[in-house]
Amino acid sequence: MTDRKNILEVKNLSTYFFTDNGVVRAVENLSFKLQEGSTLGIVGESGSGKSVTALSIMGLFKGTTGRVVEGEIIFEGKDLLKLSEEERRGIRGKDISMIFQEPMTSLNPVLKIGEQISEAIIEHQNVGKSEAMEQVVQILKDTGLPRVESIVNEYPFQLSGGQRQRVMIAMALVCRPKILIADEPTTALDVTIQAQILDLMRRLKERSGTSIIFITHSLGVVAEMCDEVLVMYCSRAMETGNVKDVFKDPLHPYTRGLMASIPKLGERVEELYTIPGNVPNPRFMPKGCKFAPRCSEAMDICHEEEPPFFDFGGGRTSRCWLCSNGREVK
């Protein structure tokens, strides 16, 4: 662990969706920290609460049934949940930005690229259109896009998937935010473009010192991009720690299952490993540990009592009764 200052602290965050069919507990009692200049990877299966966590930080539930019901989101000493909507707008896009999963649905199809990116500059920097457009051209060049002068006058449908994703990255970074939330920014891109996008984000981070929350399904991306990792399952954190430590010695059976499912170069097998069973319905969670029905190592207590977070020091934590046996808990 380093002595870098925490720029963001999420404490006991719970976010629910109040639907006609009942309450969906999308995020439950989640806590983590993001250090200045570092990258935190949040990994887990679909439905684990990764994207809802990002939306909770951004405050983007207006017009939905979602609501943060408990917790704190501390950014530079301020609890974002206690700020007014106007104050949140002043932070959103300027100090904390987000890259969404699918750029084609995030970009406005009837506005030119230059207009969409310059909107954030004009809103947060109080500059004119011509000066804003100069910044747009420069940030697009920084992302490695070709023929930038033409692209600023084009519409999203005229660009490829990789180009649209670079536009989304440019839009998120144009005000040089202190925190960037990247919600699966390489989804639906081929592996060559994925590698280019990851390299781009790494270079931009090194240049600007931006802290990043990287949401992904891929443990390979976590290993390549992140300093710390948070493993989520069923709206809960299951394990946290330094990436190297977690990959070397995963504590939670769910983390070990995710790692075992990664194909290994040069290894020939009849069938790839998969974690048995399915993620439970969020409205009908099992008693005890939420992973117990799928865990081959589950004990009687696992089906009766939900384990707390055990702290093993050095940033290593795990929500598992089994891994607390034989290890020193802080």
C-alpha atoms as a PDB file:
ATOM      1  CA  MET A   1       0.000   0.000   0.000  1.00  0.00           C
ATOM      2  CA  THR A   2       1.179   3.554  -0.691  1.00  0.00           C
ATOM      3  CA  ASP A   3       0.788   6.699   1.399  1.00  0.00           C
ATOM      4  CA  ARG A   4      -1.113   8.538  -1.313  1.00  0.00           C
ATOM      5  CA  LYS A   5      -4.101  10.576  -0.203  1.00  0.00           C
ATOM      6  CA  ASN A   6      -7.606   9.226  -0.738  1.00  0.00           C
ATOM      7  CA  ILE A   7      -9.437  11.417  -3.248  1.00  0.00           C
ATOM      8  CA  LEU A   8     -12.697   9.454  -2.928  1.00  0.00           C
ATOM      9  CA  GLU A   9     -14.182   7.398  -0.085  1.00  0.00           C
ATOM     10  CA  VAL A  10     -17.400   5.429  -0.432  1.00  0.00           C
ATOM     11  CA  LYS A  11     -18.784   4.395   2.953  1.00  0.00           C
ATOM     12  CA  ASN A  12     -21.610   1.882   3.507  1.00  0.00           C
ATOM     13  CA  LEU A  13     -23.303   2.792   0.229  1.00  0.00           C
ATOM     14  CA  SER A  14     -26.712   1.220  -0.436  1.00  0.00           C
ATOM     15  CA  THR A  15     -28.662   1.960  -3.621  1.00  0.00           C
ATOM     16  CA  TYR A  16     -32.128   0.492  -4.226  1.00  0.00           C
ATOM     17  CA  PHE A  17     -34.593   0.529  -7.114  1.00  0.00           C
ATOM     18  CA  PHE A  18     -38.227   0.806  -6.027  1.00  0.00           C
ATOM     19  CA  THR A  19     -40.223  -0.993  -8.725  1.00  0.00           C
ATOM     20  CA  ASP A  20     -43.836  -2.140  -9.019  1.00  0.00           C
ATOM     21  CA  ASN A  21     -42.613  -5.701  -8.461  1.00  0.00           C
ATOM     22  CA  GLY A  22     -40.686  -4.904  -5.313  1.00  0.00           C
ATOM     23  CA  VAL A  23     -37.440  -3.407  -4.092  1.00  0.00           C
ATOM     24  CA  VAL A  24     -34.238  -4.310  -5.935  1.00  0.00           C
ATOM     25  CA  ARG A  25     -31.186  -3.889  -3.704  1.00  0.00           C
ATOM     26  CA  ALA A  26     -28.677  -3.110  -6.429  1.00  0.00           C
ATOM     27  CA  VAL A  27     -25.837  -2.031  -4.126  1.00  0.00           C
ATOM     28  CA  GLU A  28     -25.683  -3.099  -0.481  1.00  0.00           C
ATOM     29  CA  ASN A  29     -23.399  -1.693   2.216  1.00  0.00           C
ATOM     30  CA  LEU A  30     -20.472  -1.026  -0.148  1.00  0.00           C
ATOM     31  CA  SER A  31     -17.272   0.666   1.015  1.00  0.00           C
ATOM     32  CA  PHE A  32     -14.022   1.403  -0.807  1.00  0.00           C
ATOM     33  CA  LYS A  33     -11.354   4.075  -1.267  1.00  0.00           C
ATOM     34  CA  LEU A  34      -9.720   5.578  -4.357  1.00  0.00           C
ATOM     35  CA  GLN A  35      -6.248   7.052  -3.998  1.00  0.00           C
ATOM     36  CA  GLU A  36      -4.943  10.046  -5.917  1.00  0.00           C
ATOM     37  CA  GLY A  37      -3.357   9.051  -9.208  1.00  0.00           C
ATOM     38  CA  SER A  38      -4.308   5.380  -8.874  1.00  0.00           C
ATOM     39  CA  THR A  39      -6.624   3.064 -10.779  1.00  0.00           C
ATOM     40  CA  LEU A  40      -9.213   0.954  -8.969  1.00  0.00           C
ATOM     41  CA  GLY A  41     -10.717  -1.957 -10.886  1.00  0.00           C
ATOM     42  CA  ILE A  42     -14.258  -3.064 -10.050  1.00  0.00           C
ATOM     43  CA  VAL A  43     -14.902  -6.539 -11.422  1.00  0.00           C
ATOM     44  CA  GLY A  44     -17.743  -9.041 -11.257  1.00  0.00           C
ATOM     45  CA  GLU A  45     -20.499 -10.725 -13.240  1.00  0.00           C
ATOM     46  CA  SER A  46     -23.377  -8.824 -14.835  1.00  0.00           C
ATOM     47  CA  GLY A  47     -25.864  -7.715 -12.202  1.00  0.00           C
ATOM     48  CA  SER A  48     -23.294  -7.465  -9.406  1.00  0.00           C
ATOM     49  CA  GLY A  49     -23.842  -3.710  -8.966  1.00  0.00           C
ATOM     50  CA  LYS A  50     -20.789  -2.307 -10.716  1.00  0.00           C
ATOM     51  CA  SER A  51     -22.546   0.205 -12.986  1.00  0.00           C
ATOM     52  CA  VAL A  52     -25.053   1.197 -10.282  1.00  0.00           C
ATOM     53  CA  THR A  53     -22.092   2.050  -8.049  1.00  0.00           C
ATOM     54  CA  ALA A  54     -20.769   4.375 -10.769  1.00  0.00           C
ATOM     55  CA  LEU A  55     -24.171   5.994 -11.289  1.00  0.00           C
ATOM     56  CA  SER A  56     -24.480   6.506  -7.528  1.00  0.00           C
ATOM     57  CA  ILE A  57     -21.180   8.402  -7.476  1.00  0.00           C
ATOM     58  CA  MET A  58     -22.235  10.503 -10.472  1.00  0.00           C
ATOM     59  CA  GLY A  59     -25.732  11.156  -9.099  1.00  0.00           C
ATOM     60  CA  LEU A  60     -27.510  10.066 -12.286  1.00  0.00           C
ATOM     61  CA  PHE A  61     -30.745   8.552 -10.947  1.00  0.00           C
ATOM     62  CA  LYS A  62     -33.014  11.491 -11.699  1.00  0.00           C
ATOM     63  CA  GLY A  63     -36.099  10.275 -13.576  1.00  0.00           C
ATOM     64  CA  THR A  64     -35.571   6.657 -12.505  1.00  0.00           C
ATOM     65  CA  THR A  65     -36.798   4.512  -9.622  1.00  0.00           C
ATOM     66  CA  GLY A  66     -33.253   4.325  -8.230  1.00  0.00           C
ATOM     67  CA  ARG A  67     -32.259   6.037  -5.018  1.00  0.00           C
ATOM     68  CA  VAL A  68     -29.285   6.027  -2.667  1.00  0.00           C
ATOM     69  CA  VAL A  69     -30.865   5.066   0.652  1.00  0.00           C
ATOM     70  CA  GLU A  70     -27.802   5.021   2.877  1.00  0.00           C
ATOM     71  CA  GLY A  71     -24.111   5.817   2.994  1.00  0.00           C
ATOM     72  CA  GLU A  72     -21.618   8.537   2.182  1.00  0.00           C
ATOM     73  CA  ILE A  73     -19.634   9.426  -0.937  1.00  0.00           C
ATOM     74  CA  ILE A  74     -16.797  11.660   0.234  1.00  0.00           C
ATOM     75  CA  PHE A  75     -15.004  13.620  -2.481  1.00  0.00           C
ATOM     76  CA  GLU A  76     -12.318  16.057  -1.293  1.00  0.00           C
ATOM     77  CA  GLY A  77     -13.913  16.235   2.138  1.00  0.00           C
ATOM     78  CA  LYS A  78     -17.482  16.777   0.890  1.00  0.00           C
ATOM     79  CA  ASP A  79     -20.296  14.239   1.000  1.00  0.00           C
ATOM     80  CA  LEU A  80     -21.695  14.324  -2.535  1.00  0.00           C
ATOM     81  CA  LEU A  81     -25.015  12.944  -1.310  1.00  0.00           C
ATOM     82  CA  LYS A  82     -25.598  16.073   0.776  1.00  0.00           C
ATOM     83  CA  LEU A  83     -25.013  18.528  -2.063  1.00  0.00           C
ATOM     84  CA  SER A  84     -27.803  20.168  -4.048  1.00  0.00           C
ATOM     85  CA  GLU A  85     -28.439  19.143  -7.647  1.00  0.00           C
ATOM     86  CA  GLU A  86     -26.876  22.400  -8.838  1.00  0.00           C
ATOM     87  CA  GLU A  87     -23.735  21.709  -6.802  1.00  0.00           C
ATOM     88  CA  ARG A  88     -23.573  18.153  -8.187  1.00  0.00           C
ATOM     89  CA  ARG A  89     -23.798  19.529 -11.752  1.00  0.00           C
ATOM     90  CA  GLY A  90     -20.819  21.763 -10.993  1.00  0.00           C
ATOM     91  CA  ILE A  91     -18.756  18.690 -10.092  1.00  0.00           C
ATOM     92  CA  ARG A  92     -20.152  16.277 -12.691  1.00  0.00           C
ATOM     93  CA  GLY A  93     -18.105  16.479 -15.888  1.00  0.00           C
ATOM     94  CA  LYS A  94     -15.600  18.900 -14.377  1.00  0.00           C
ATOM     95  CA  ASP A  95     -14.129  17.090 -11.369  1.00  0.00           C
ATOM     96  CA  ILE A  96     -15.692  13.645 -11.873  1.00  0.00           C
ATOM     97  CA  SER A  97     -16.379  12.344 -15.383  1.00  0.00           C
ATOM     98  CA  MET A  98     -17.698   9.067 -16.737  1.00  0.00           C
ATOM     99  CA  ILE A  99     -17.238   7.025 -19.906  1.00  0.00           C
ATOM    100  CA  PHE A 100     -20.379   4.976 -20.504  1.00  0.00           C
ATOM    101  CA  GLN A 101     -20.560   1.430 -21.850  1.00  0.00           C
ATOM    102  CA  GLU A 102     -22.040   2.017 -25.297  1.00  0.00           C
ATOM    103  CA  PRO A 103     -20.973   5.237 -27.055  1.00  0.00           C
ATOM    104  CA  MET A 104     -23.638   4.991 -29.758  1.00  0.00           C
ATOM    105  CA  THR A 105     -26.396   5.298 -27.152  1.00  0.00           C
ATOM    106  CA  SER A 106     -24.489   7.879 -25.085  1.00  0.00           C
ATOM    107  CA  LEU A 107     -23.743  10.298 -27.926  1.00  0.00           C
ATOM    108  CA  ASN A 108     -26.557  12.508 -29.240  1.00  0.00           C
ATOM    109  CA  PRO A 109     -27.246  11.300 -32.803  1.00  0.00           C
ATOM    110  CA  VAL A 110     -28.448  14.725 -34.030  1.00  0.00           C
ATOM    111  CA  LEU A 111     -25.542  16.824 -32.765  1.00  0.00           C
ATOM    112  CA  LYS A 112     -22.115  17.062 -34.350  1.00  0.00           C
ATOM    113  CA  ILE A 113     -19.145  15.685 -32.418  1.00  0.00           C
ATOM    114  CA  GLY A 114     -17.601  19.100 -31.861  1.00  0.00           C
ATOM    115  CA  GLU A 115     -20.824  20.505 -30.403  1.00  0.00           C
ATOM    116  CA  GLN A 116     -21.183  17.643 -27.943  1.00  0.00           C
ATOM    117  CA  ILE A 117     -17.646  17.861 -26.574  1.00  0.00           C
ATOM    118  CA  SER A 118     -17.547  21.684 -26.446  1.00  0.00           C
ATOM    119  CA  GLU A 119     -20.739  21.764 -24.358  1.00  0.00           C
ATOM    120  CA  ALA A 120     -18.846  20.618 -21.248  1.00  0.00           C
ATOM    121  CA  ILE A 121     -16.075  23.156 -21.836  1.00  0.00           C
ATOM    122  CA  ILE A 122     -18.495  26.063 -22.202  1.00  0.00           C
ATOM    123  CA  GLU A 123     -20.451  24.923 -19.124  1.00  0.00           C
ATOM    124  CA  HIS A 124     -17.486  24.522 -16.775  1.00  0.00           C
ATOM    125  CA  GLN A 125     -14.778  26.853 -18.096  1.00  0.00           C
ATOM    126  CA  ASN A 126     -16.747  29.936 -19.067  1.00  0.00           C
ATOM    127  CA  VAL A 127     -15.133  30.308 -22.506  1.00  0.00           C
ATOM    128  CA  GLY A 128     -16.530  31.168 -25.931  1.00  0.00           C
ATOM    129  CA  LYS A 129     -17.388  28.720 -28.714  1.00  0.00           C
ATOM    130  CA  SER A 130     -14.264  29.336 -30.766  1.00  0.00           C
ATOM    131  CA  GLU A 131     -11.911  28.808 -27.829  1.00  0.00           C
ATOM    132  CA  ALA A 132     -13.895  25.744 -26.764  1.00  0.00           C
ATOM    133  CA  MET A 133     -13.601  24.278 -30.257  1.00  0.00           C
ATOM    134  CA  GLU A 134      -9.828  24.748 -30.170  1.00  0.00           C
ATOM    135  CA  GLN A 135      -9.740  22.648 -26.993  1.00  0.00           C
ATOM    136  CA  VAL A 136     -11.986  20.039 -28.637  1.00  0.00           C
ATOM    137  CA  VAL A 137      -9.610  19.687 -31.585  1.00  0.00           C
ATOM    138  CA  GLN A 138      -6.624  19.314 -29.246  1.00  0.00           C
ATOM    139  CA  ILE A 139      -8.207  16.687 -26.983  1.00  0.00           C
ATOM    140  CA  LEU A 140      -9.330  14.652 -30.015  1.00  0.00           C
ATOM    141  CA  LYS A 141      -5.773  14.780 -31.353  1.00  0.00           C
ATOM    142  CA  ASP A 142      -4.564  13.556 -27.954  1.00  0.00           C
ATOM    143  CA  THR A 143      -6.758  10.470 -28.332  1.00  0.00           C
ATOM    144  CA  GLY A 144      -5.022   9.580 -31.586  1.00  0.00           C
ATOM    145  CA  LEU A 145      -7.994  10.174 -33.896  1.00  0.00           C
ATOM    146  CA  PRO A 146      -7.105  10.978 -37.514  1.00  0.00           C
ATOM    147  CA  ARG A 147      -8.567  13.898 -39.562  1.00  0.00           C
ATOM    148  CA  VAL A 148      -9.799  15.613 -36.388  1.00  0.00           C
ATOM    149  CA  GLU A 149     -10.765  18.817 -38.196  1.00  0.00           C
ATOM    150  CA  SER A 150     -13.295  16.812 -40.206  1.00  0.00           C
ATOM    151  CA  ILE A 151     -14.571  14.660 -37.338  1.00  0.00           C
ATOM    152  CA  VAL A 152     -15.665  17.668 -35.260  1.00  0.00           C
ATOM    153  CA  ASN A 153     -18.207  18.416 -38.001  1.00  0.00           C
ATOM    154  CA  GLU A 154     -19.463  14.845 -38.341  1.00  0.00           C
ATOM    155  CA  TYR A 155     -22.272  12.954 -36.586  1.00  0.00           C
ATOM    156  CA  PRO A 156     -21.814   9.811 -34.429  1.00  0.00           C
ATOM    157  CA  PHE A 157     -23.226   7.457 -37.088  1.00  0.00           C
ATOM    158  CA  GLN A 158     -20.405   8.481 -39.441  1.00  0.00           C
ATOM    159  CA  LEU A 159     -17.751   7.106 -37.070  1.00  0.00           C
ATOM    160  CA  SER A 160     -16.651   3.558 -36.298  1.00  0.00           C
ATOM    161  CA  GLY A 161     -17.093   1.986 -32.861  1.00  0.00           C
ATOM    162  CA  GLY A 162     -13.477   2.614 -31.910  1.00  0.00           C
ATOM    163  CA  GLN A 163     -13.672   6.231 -33.066  1.00  0.00           C
ATOM    164  CA  ARG A 164     -16.873   6.822 -31.080  1.00  0.00           C
ATOM    165  CA  GLN A 165     -15.237   5.369 -27.976  1.00  0.00           C
ATOM    166  CA  ARG A 166     -12.302   7.751 -28.406  1.00  0.00           C
ATOM    167  CA  VAL A 167     -14.794  10.617 -28.695  1.00  0.00           C
ATOM    168  CA  MET A 168     -16.375   9.494 -25.403  1.00  0.00           C
ATOM    169  CA  ILE A 169     -12.941   9.422 -23.758  1.00  0.00           C
ATOM    170  CA  ALA A 170     -12.191  12.894 -25.115  1.00  0.00           C
ATOM    171  CA  MET A 171     -15.541  14.175 -23.814  1.00  0.00           C
ATOM    172  CA  ALA A 172     -14.828  12.748 -20.352  1.00  0.00           C
ATOM    173  CA  LEU A 173     -11.282  14.143 -20.185  1.00  0.00           C
ATOM    174  CA  VAL A 174     -11.722  17.523 -21.853  1.00  0.00           C
ATOM    175  CA  CYS A 175     -12.097  19.340 -18.511  1.00  0.00           C
ATOM    176  CA  ARG A 176      -9.217  17.350 -17.011  1.00  0.00           C
ATOM    177  CA  PRO A 177     -11.245  15.730 -14.209  1.00  0.00           C
ATOM    178  CA  LYS A 178      -9.714  14.545 -10.962  1.00  0.00           C
ATOM    179  CA  ILE A 179     -11.637  11.254 -11.202  1.00  0.00           C
ATOM    180  CA  LEU A 180     -12.576   9.315 -14.337  1.00  0.00           C
ATOM    181  CA  ILE A 181     -15.109   6.475 -14.118  1.00  0.00           C
ATOM    182  CA  ALA A 182     -14.754   4.127 -17.086  1.00  0.00           C
ATOM    183  CA  ASP A 183     -17.729   1.753 -17.293  1.00  0.00           C
ATOM    184  CA  GLU A 184     -16.544  -1.085 -19.523  1.00  0.00           C
ATOM    185  CA  PRO A 185     -15.071   1.264 -22.153  1.00  0.00           C
ATOM    186  CA  THR A 186     -13.822  -1.624 -24.322  1.00  0.00           C
ATOM    187  CA  THR A 187     -17.126  -3.519 -24.550  1.00  0.00           C
ATOM    188  CA  ALA A 188     -18.126  -4.505 -28.126  1.00  0.00           C
ATOM    189  CA  LEU A 189     -14.717  -3.514 -29.541  1.00  0.00           C
ATOM    190  CA  ASP A 190     -12.404  -5.991 -31.229  1.00  0.00           C
ATOM    191  CA  VAL A 191      -9.217  -6.945 -29.380  1.00  0.00           C
ATOM    192  CA  THR A 192      -6.943  -4.705 -31.452  1.00  0.00           C
ATOM    193  CA  ILE A 193      -9.062  -1.609 -30.766  1.00  0.00           C
ATOM    194  CA  GLN A 194      -9.410  -2.660 -27.105  1.00  0.00           C
ATOM    195  CA  ALA A 195      -5.632  -2.660 -26.746  1.00  0.00           C
ATOM    196  CA  GLN A 196      -5.418   0.789 -28.348  1.00  0.00           C
ATOM    197  CA  ILE A 197      -8.114   2.189 -26.023  1.00  0.00           C
ATOM    198  CA  LEU A 198      -6.402   0.779 -22.917  1.00  0.00           C
ATOM    199  CA  ASP A 199      -3.045   2.169 -24.025  1.00  0.00           C
ATOM    200  CA  LEU A 200      -4.678   5.537 -24.688  1.00  0.00           C
ATOM    201  CA  MET A 201      -6.247   5.664 -21.207  1.00  0.00           C
ATOM    202  CA  ARG A 202      -2.952   4.699 -19.609  1.00  0.00           C
ATOM    203  CA  ARG A 203      -1.077   7.477 -21.411  1.00  0.00           C
ATOM    204  CA  LEU A 204      -3.720  10.096 -20.634  1.00  0.00           C
ATOM    205  CA  LYS A 205      -3.697   9.087 -16.968  1.00  0.00           C
ATOM    206  CA  GLU A 206       0.097   9.391 -16.774  1.00  0.00           C
ATOM    207  CA  ARG A 207      -0.086  12.796 -18.422  1.00  0.00           C
ATOM    208  CA  SER A 208      -2.877  14.274 -16.301  1.00  0.00           C
ATOM    209  CA  GLY A 209      -2.615  12.362 -13.009  1.00  0.00           C
ATOM    210  CA  THR A 210      -6.318  11.516 -13.108  1.00  0.00           C
ATOM    211  CA  SER A 211      -7.566   8.831 -10.710  1.00  0.00           C
ATOM    212  CA  ILE A 212      -9.587   6.127 -12.463  1.00  0.00           C
ATOM    213  CA  ILE A 213     -12.348   3.724 -11.470  1.00  0.00           C
ATOM    214  CA  PHE A 214     -12.284   1.024 -14.153  1.00  0.00           C
ATOM    215  CA  ILE A 215     -15.391  -1.175 -14.323  1.00  0.00           C
ATOM    216  CA  THR A 216     -14.968  -4.380 -16.290  1.00  0.00           C
ATOM    217  CA  HIS A 217     -15.777  -8.081 -16.625  1.00  0.00           C
ATOM    218  CA  SER A 218     -12.209  -8.844 -17.596  1.00  0.00           C
ATOM    219  CA  LEU A 219      -9.623  -9.800 -15.002  1.00  0.00           C
ATOM    220  CA  GLY A 220      -7.026  -9.480 -17.758  1.00  0.00           C
ATOM    221  CA  VAL A 221      -7.865  -5.784 -18.091  1.00  0.00           C
ATOM    222  CA  VAL A 222      -7.687  -5.408 -14.299  1.00  0.00           C
ATOM    223  CA  ALA A 223      -4.216  -6.991 -14.263  1.00  0.00           C
ATOM    224  CA  GLU A 224      -3.027  -4.664 -17.013  1.00  0.00           C
ATOM    225  CA  MET A 225      -4.643  -1.387 -15.942  1.00  0.00           C
ATOM    226  CA  CYS A 226      -5.298  -1.327 -12.204  1.00  0.00           C
ATOM    227  CA  ASP A 227      -3.438  -0.833  -8.931  1.00  0.00           C
ATOM    228  CA  GLU A 228      -6.248  -2.010  -6.615  1.00  0.00           C
ATOM    229  CA  VAL A 229      -9.190  -4.317  -7.262  1.00  0.00           C
ATOM    230  CA  LEU A 230     -12.694  -4.615  -5.797  1.00  0.00           C
ATOM    231  CA  VAL A 231     -14.529  -7.870  -6.556  1.00  0.00           C
ATOM    232  CA  MET A 232     -18.338  -7.529  -6.444  1.00  0.00           C
ATOM    233  CA  TYR A 233     -21.068 -10.151  -6.342  1.00  0.00           C
ATOM    234  CA  CYS A 234     -24.802  -9.726  -5.695  1.00  0.00           C
ATOM    235  CA  SER A 235     -24.489  -5.986  -4.949  1.00  0.00           C
ATOM    236  CA  ARG A 236     -21.758  -6.585  -2.363  1.00  0.00           C
ATOM    237  CA  ALA A 237     -17.998  -6.317  -2.166  1.00  0.00           C
ATOM    238  CA  MET A 238     -16.524  -9.793  -1.792  1.00  0.00           C
ATOM    239  CA  GLU A 239     -12.800  -9.032  -1.820  1.00  0.00           C
ATOM    240  CA  THR A 240     -10.493  -6.034  -2.052  1.00  0.00           C
ATOM    241  CA  GLY A 241      -6.767  -5.629  -2.270  1.00  0.00           C
ATOM    242  CA  ASN A 242      -3.711  -4.757  -4.297  1.00  0.00           C
ATOM    243  CA  VAL A 243      -3.968  -6.304  -7.763  1.00  0.00           C
ATOM    244  CA  LYS A 244      -0.713  -8.239  -7.467  1.00  0.00           C
ATOM    245  CA  ASP A 245      -1.683  -9.645  -4.062  1.00  0.00           C
ATOM    246  CA  VAL A 246      -5.179 -10.661  -5.173  1.00  0.00           C
ATOM    247  CA  PHE A 247      -3.923 -12.370  -8.335  1.00  0.00           C
ATOM    248  CA  LYS A 248      -1.147 -14.146  -6.423  1.00  0.00           C
ATOM    249  CA  ASP A 249      -3.331 -15.276  -3.508  1.00  0.00           C
ATOM    250  CA  PRO A 250      -7.098 -14.764  -4.025  1.00  0.00           C
ATOM    251  CA  LEU A 251      -8.904 -15.132  -0.707  1.00  0.00           C
ATOM    252  CA  HIS A 252     -12.560 -15.488  -1.679  1.00  0.00           C
ATOM    253  CA  PRO A 253     -13.861 -18.601  -3.498  1.00  0.00           C
ATOM    254  CA  TYR A 254     -15.701 -16.318  -5.935  1.00  0.00           C
ATOM    255  CA  THR A 255     -12.459 -14.552  -6.864  1.00  0.00           C
ATOM    256  CA  ARG A 256     -10.762 -17.924  -7.325  1.00  0.00           C
ATOM    257  CA  GLY A 257     -13.657 -19.040  -9.529  1.00  0.00           C
ATOM    258  CA  LEU A 258     -13.340 -15.946 -11.727  1.00  0.00           C
ATOM    259  CA  MET A 259      -9.617 -16.483 -12.118  1.00  0.00           C
ATOM    260  CA  ALA A 260     -10.032 -20.197 -12.875  1.00  0.00           C
ATOM    261  CA  SER A 261     -12.395 -19.332 -15.739  1.00  0.00           C
ATOM    262  CA  ILE A 262      -9.681 -17.387 -17.600  1.00  0.00           C
ATOM    263  CA  PRO A 263      -8.323 -19.404 -20.566  1.00  0.00           C
ATOM    264  CA  LYS A 264      -4.572 -20.014 -20.237  1.00  0.00           C
ATOM    265  CA  LEU A 265      -2.295 -19.582 -23.216  1.00  0.00           C
ATOM    266  CA  GLY A 266      -0.839 -22.908 -24.337  1.00  0.00           C
ATOM    267  CA  GLU A 267      -3.163 -25.005 -22.167  1.00  0.00           C
ATOM    268  CA  ARG A 268      -5.463 -27.432 -23.989  1.00  0.00           C
ATOM    269  CA  VAL A 269      -8.614 -28.505 -22.122  1.00  0.00           C
ATOM    270  CA  GLU A 270     -11.804 -30.273 -23.143  1.00  0.00           C
ATOM    271  CA  GLU A 271     -13.996 -27.673 -21.487  1.00  0.00           C
ATOM    272  CA  LEU A 272     -13.303 -24.256 -19.933  1.00  0.00           C
ATOM    273  CA  TYR A 273     -14.056 -23.893 -16.229  1.00  0.00           C
ATOM    274  CA  THR A 274     -17.256 -22.083 -15.272  1.00  0.00           C
ATOM    275  CA  ILE A 275     -18.655 -21.209 -11.860  1.00  0.00           C
ATOM    276  CA  PRO A 276     -21.690 -23.487 -11.357  1.00  0.00           C
ATOM    277  CA  GLY A 277     -25.196 -22.014 -11.074  1.00  0.00           C
ATOM    278  CA  ASN A 278     -26.399 -18.499 -11.775  1.00  0.00           C
ATOM    279  CA  VAL A 279     -26.468 -15.137 -10.055  1.00  0.00           C
ATOM    280  CA  PRO A 280     -29.625 -15.105  -7.872  1.00  0.00           C
ATOM    281  CA  ASN A 281     -32.591 -12.816  -8.487  1.00  0.00           C
ATOM    282  CA  PRO A 282     -31.807  -9.572  -6.611  1.00  0.00           C
ATOM    283  CA  ARG A 283     -35.336  -9.539  -5.166  1.00  0.00           C
ATOM    284  CA  PHE A 284     -34.942 -13.031  -3.710  1.00  0.00           C
ATOM    285  CA  MET A 285     -31.466 -13.229  -2.225  1.00  0.00           C
ATOM    286  CA  PRO A 286     -30.435 -16.447  -0.440  1.00  0.00           C
ATOM    287  CA  LYS A 287     -29.916 -16.500   3.298  1.00  0.00           C
ATOM    288  CA  GLY A 288     -26.372 -16.219   4.598  1.00  0.00           C
ATOM    289  CA  CYS A 289     -23.496 -15.707   2.175  1.00  0.00           C
ATOM    290  CA  LYS A 290     -24.925 -14.771  -1.215  1.00  0.00           C
ATOM    291  CA  PHE A 291     -22.329 -16.913  -2.995  1.00  0.00           C
ATOM    292  CA  ALA A 292     -22.910 -20.004  -0.835  1.00  0.00           C
ATOM    293  CA  PRO A 293     -25.385 -21.729  -3.256  1.00  0.00           C
ATOM    294  CA  ARG A 294     -22.668 -21.717  -5.950  1.00  0.00           C
ATOM    295  CA  CYS A 295     -19.667 -22.351  -3.686  1.00  0.00           C
ATOM    296  CA  SER A 296     -18.150 -25.852  -3.505  1.00  0.00           C
ATOM    297  CA  GLU A 297     -16.439 -24.920  -0.231  1.00  0.00           C
ATOM    298  CA  ALA A 298     -19.521 -23.645   1.604  1.00  0.00           C
ATOM    299  CA  MET A 299     -19.950 -24.662   5.249  1.00  0.00           C
ATOM    300  CA  ASP A 300     -23.137 -24.791   7.341  1.00  0.00           C
ATOM    301  CA  ILE A 301     -22.562 -21.279   8.692  1.00  0.00           C
ATOM    302  CA  CYS A 302     -22.293 -19.950   5.131  1.00  0.00           C
ATOM    303  CA  HIS A 303     -25.948 -20.854   4.493  1.00  0.00           C
ATOM    304  CA  GLU A 304     -27.126 -19.310   7.780  1.00  0.00           C
ATOM    305  CA  GLU A 305     -25.138 -16.125   8.447  1.00  0.00           C
ATOM    306  CA  GLU A 306     -23.781 -13.544   6.033  1.00  0.00           C
ATOM    307  CA  PRO A 307     -20.074 -13.066   6.776  1.00  0.00           C
ATOM    308  CA  PRO A 308     -18.711  -9.633   7.700  1.00  0.00           C
ATOM    309  CA  PHE A 309     -15.698  -8.095   5.989  1.00  0.00           C
ATOM    310  CA  PHE A 310     -12.561  -9.622   7.461  1.00  0.00           C
ATOM    311  CA  ASP A 311      -9.537  -7.286   7.339  1.00  0.00           C
ATOM    312  CA  PHE A 312      -6.209  -9.080   6.837  1.00  0.00           C
ATOM    313  CA  GLY A 313      -4.102  -5.918   6.687  1.00  0.00           C
ATOM    314  CA  GLY A 314      -2.310  -4.275   3.790  1.00  0.00           C
ATOM    315  CA  GLY A 315      -5.622  -3.416   2.141  1.00  0.00           C
ATOM    316  CA  ARG A 316      -6.657  -7.104   1.900  1.00  0.00           C
ATOM    317  CA  THR A 317     -10.267  -7.761   2.914  1.00  0.00           C
ATOM    318  CA  SER A 318     -12.652 -10.617   2.199  1.00  0.00           C
ATOM    319  CA  ARG A 319     -16.278 -11.407   2.978  1.00  0.00           C
ATOM    320  CA  CYS A 320     -15.881 -15.146   3.618  1.00  0.00           C
ATOM    321  CA  TRP A 321     -16.126 -17.379   6.683  1.00  0.00           C
ATOM    322  CA  LEU A 322     -13.743 -19.921   5.199  1.00  0.00           C
ATOM    323  CA  CYS A 323     -10.831 -17.607   4.433  1.00  0.00           C
ATOM    324  CA  SER A 324     -10.919 -16.209   7.990  1.00  0.00           C
ATOM    325  CA  ASN A 325      -9.865 -19.636   9.313  1.00  0.00           C
ATOM    326  CA  GLY A 326      -6.119 -19.884   9.791  1.00  0.00           C
ATOM    327  CA  ARG A 327      -5.451 -16.248   8.816  1.00  0.00           C
ATOM    328  CA  GLU A 328      -4.739 -13.367  11.156  1.00  0.00           C
ATOM    329  CA  VAL A 329      -7.630 -10.907  11.110  1.00  0.00           C
ATOM    330  CA  LYS A 330      -6.769  -7.287  11.933  1.00  0.00           C
END
